[in-house]
Protein backbone atom coordinates (compact mmCIF):
# COMPACT_ATOMS: atom_id res chain seq x y z
CA MET A 1 9.32 38.53 13.85
CA ASN A 2 9.99 41.14 11.65
CA VAL A 3 7.02 42.99 10.76
CA VAL A 4 5.03 44.13 14.63
CA ASP A 5 1.75 45.81 14.05
CA LEU A 6 2.12 47.06 17.62
CA GLN A 7 -1.09 48.52 17.99
CA ASP A 8 -2.57 44.81 17.74
CA LYS A 9 0.15 43.62 19.96
CA ALA A 10 -1.32 45.90 22.78
CA ALA A 11 -4.66 45.11 22.22
CA GLU A 12 -4.15 41.56 22.60
CA LEU A 13 -1.67 41.86 25.99
CA PRO A 14 -4.78 40.31 28.66
CA ASP A 15 -3.67 43.44 31.27
CA ALA A 16 -3.09 46.83 30.79
CA TRP A 17 0.43 48.10 32.23
CA SER A 18 1.64 44.19 31.60
CA SER A 19 4.38 44.69 28.61
CA LEU A 20 5.12 42.44 26.36
CA LEU A 21 9.67 41.73 25.01
CA LEU A 22 8.81 42.25 21.36
CA GLY A 23 12.44 41.77 21.05
CA ARG A 24 16.35 43.02 21.49
CA VAL A 25 18.60 45.18 19.57
CA GLY A 26 21.61 44.45 21.10
CA GLY A 27 21.81 45.34 24.48
CA ALA A 28 18.26 46.91 24.66
CA GLY A 29 14.99 45.70 24.89
CA VAL A 30 11.80 46.55 22.90
CA LYS A 31 8.72 46.30 24.50
CA VAL A 32 4.77 47.25 24.14
CA LEU A 33 2.26 47.91 26.38
CA ARG A 34 -1.48 49.00 26.86
CA MET A 35 -2.28 52.04 28.99
CA ASP A 36 -5.74 52.58 30.40
CA GLY A 37 -5.93 55.58 32.27
CA ARG A 38 -4.90 54.11 35.44
CA PRO A 39 -1.90 55.93 37.34
CA MET A 40 1.17 53.85 37.92
CA ALA A 41 3.42 54.53 41.16
CA PRO A 42 6.53 56.33 40.77
CA GLU A 43 9.64 54.19 40.14
CA SER A 44 13.65 54.48 38.73
CA HIS A 45 15.44 52.59 36.94
CA ASP A 46 19.22 51.77 36.39
CA THR A 47 19.22 52.71 32.99
CA ALA A 48 17.60 55.30 30.81
CA GLU A 49 14.56 54.04 28.97
CA ALA A 50 12.70 55.67 25.97
CA LEU A 51 8.94 55.97 26.03
CA LEU A 52 7.65 56.60 22.54
CA VAL A 53 3.84 57.11 22.45
CA MET A 54 2.13 55.23 19.52
CA ASP A 55 -1.23 56.35 19.73
CA GLY A 56 -3.09 58.12 22.73
CA VAL A 57 -0.97 60.35 25.46
CA LEU A 58 1.33 59.43 27.79
CA ARG A 59 1.13 61.68 31.25
CA LEU A 60 3.83 61.53 33.80
CA THR A 61 5.67 63.57 36.80
CA VAL A 62 9.19 63.97 35.92
CA HIS A 63 11.10 66.07 38.61
CA GLY A 64 8.21 67.30 40.10
CA GLY A 65 6.90 68.41 37.17
CA GLU A 66 3.98 67.46 34.76
CA VAL A 67 4.96 66.28 31.30
CA GLU A 68 2.31 65.04 28.47
CA VAL A 69 3.91 62.93 25.93
CA HIS A 70 1.27 62.36 22.59
CA ALA A 71 1.20 60.37 19.65
CA GLY A 72 4.19 60.20 17.95
CA GLU A 73 6.50 61.42 20.29
CA MET A 74 9.23 59.67 22.61
CA TYR A 75 10.90 60.95 25.93
CA LEU A 76 13.49 60.51 27.26
CA VAL A 77 13.97 58.94 31.30
CA GLU A 78 17.82 58.98 32.27
CA ALA A 79 19.04 57.07 34.39
CA GLY A 80 18.06 56.72 38.26
CA VAL A 81 15.17 59.64 37.62
CA GLU A 82 12.15 58.68 39.19
CA HIS A 83 9.30 58.99 37.14
CA ALA A 84 5.24 58.21 37.95
CA VAL A 85 2.18 57.83 35.42
CA ARG A 86 -0.45 60.19 36.16
CA PRO A 87 -4.33 59.03 35.65
CA GLY A 88 -5.34 59.72 32.12
CA SER A 89 -2.75 58.04 30.07
CA ARG A 90 -3.84 55.82 27.46
CA GLY A 91 -3.20 54.38 24.10
CA THR A 92 0.18 52.05 23.01
CA LEU A 93 3.36 52.82 24.99
CA VAL A 94 6.93 51.13 23.23
CA ILE A 95 9.40 51.56 25.99
CA VAL A 96 12.91 50.73 24.96
CA GLU A 97 15.64 49.76 27.91
CA HIS A 98 18.59 48.63 27.83
CA GLY A 99 20.22 45.77 30.22
CA SER A 100 18.65 43.75 32.81
CA ALA A 101 15.76 46.26 32.94
CA ALA A 102 14.79 44.76 29.37
CA GLY A 103 14.08 41.20 30.45
């Protein structure tokens, strides 16, 4: 698989917030998912992750503050940093994460 229509892949997923691993680059996994407006519980990871919004908006709580990531923007979450998705996050999200978290 070389050319991937990320929005089509996200739309084909049976459930929002259920990611699909598209492939690996070096030790990093590249995933796509569909955001549907629901919030997600706080989480943290052993490794950093990049959150790239393809369309829509990702609303996060990070370090007690609110962050909005819009289409065409990316947010880097450092390893060990707790982050939560706030209500109203909608669209297509690509996640790039390293190592075992990428499985």
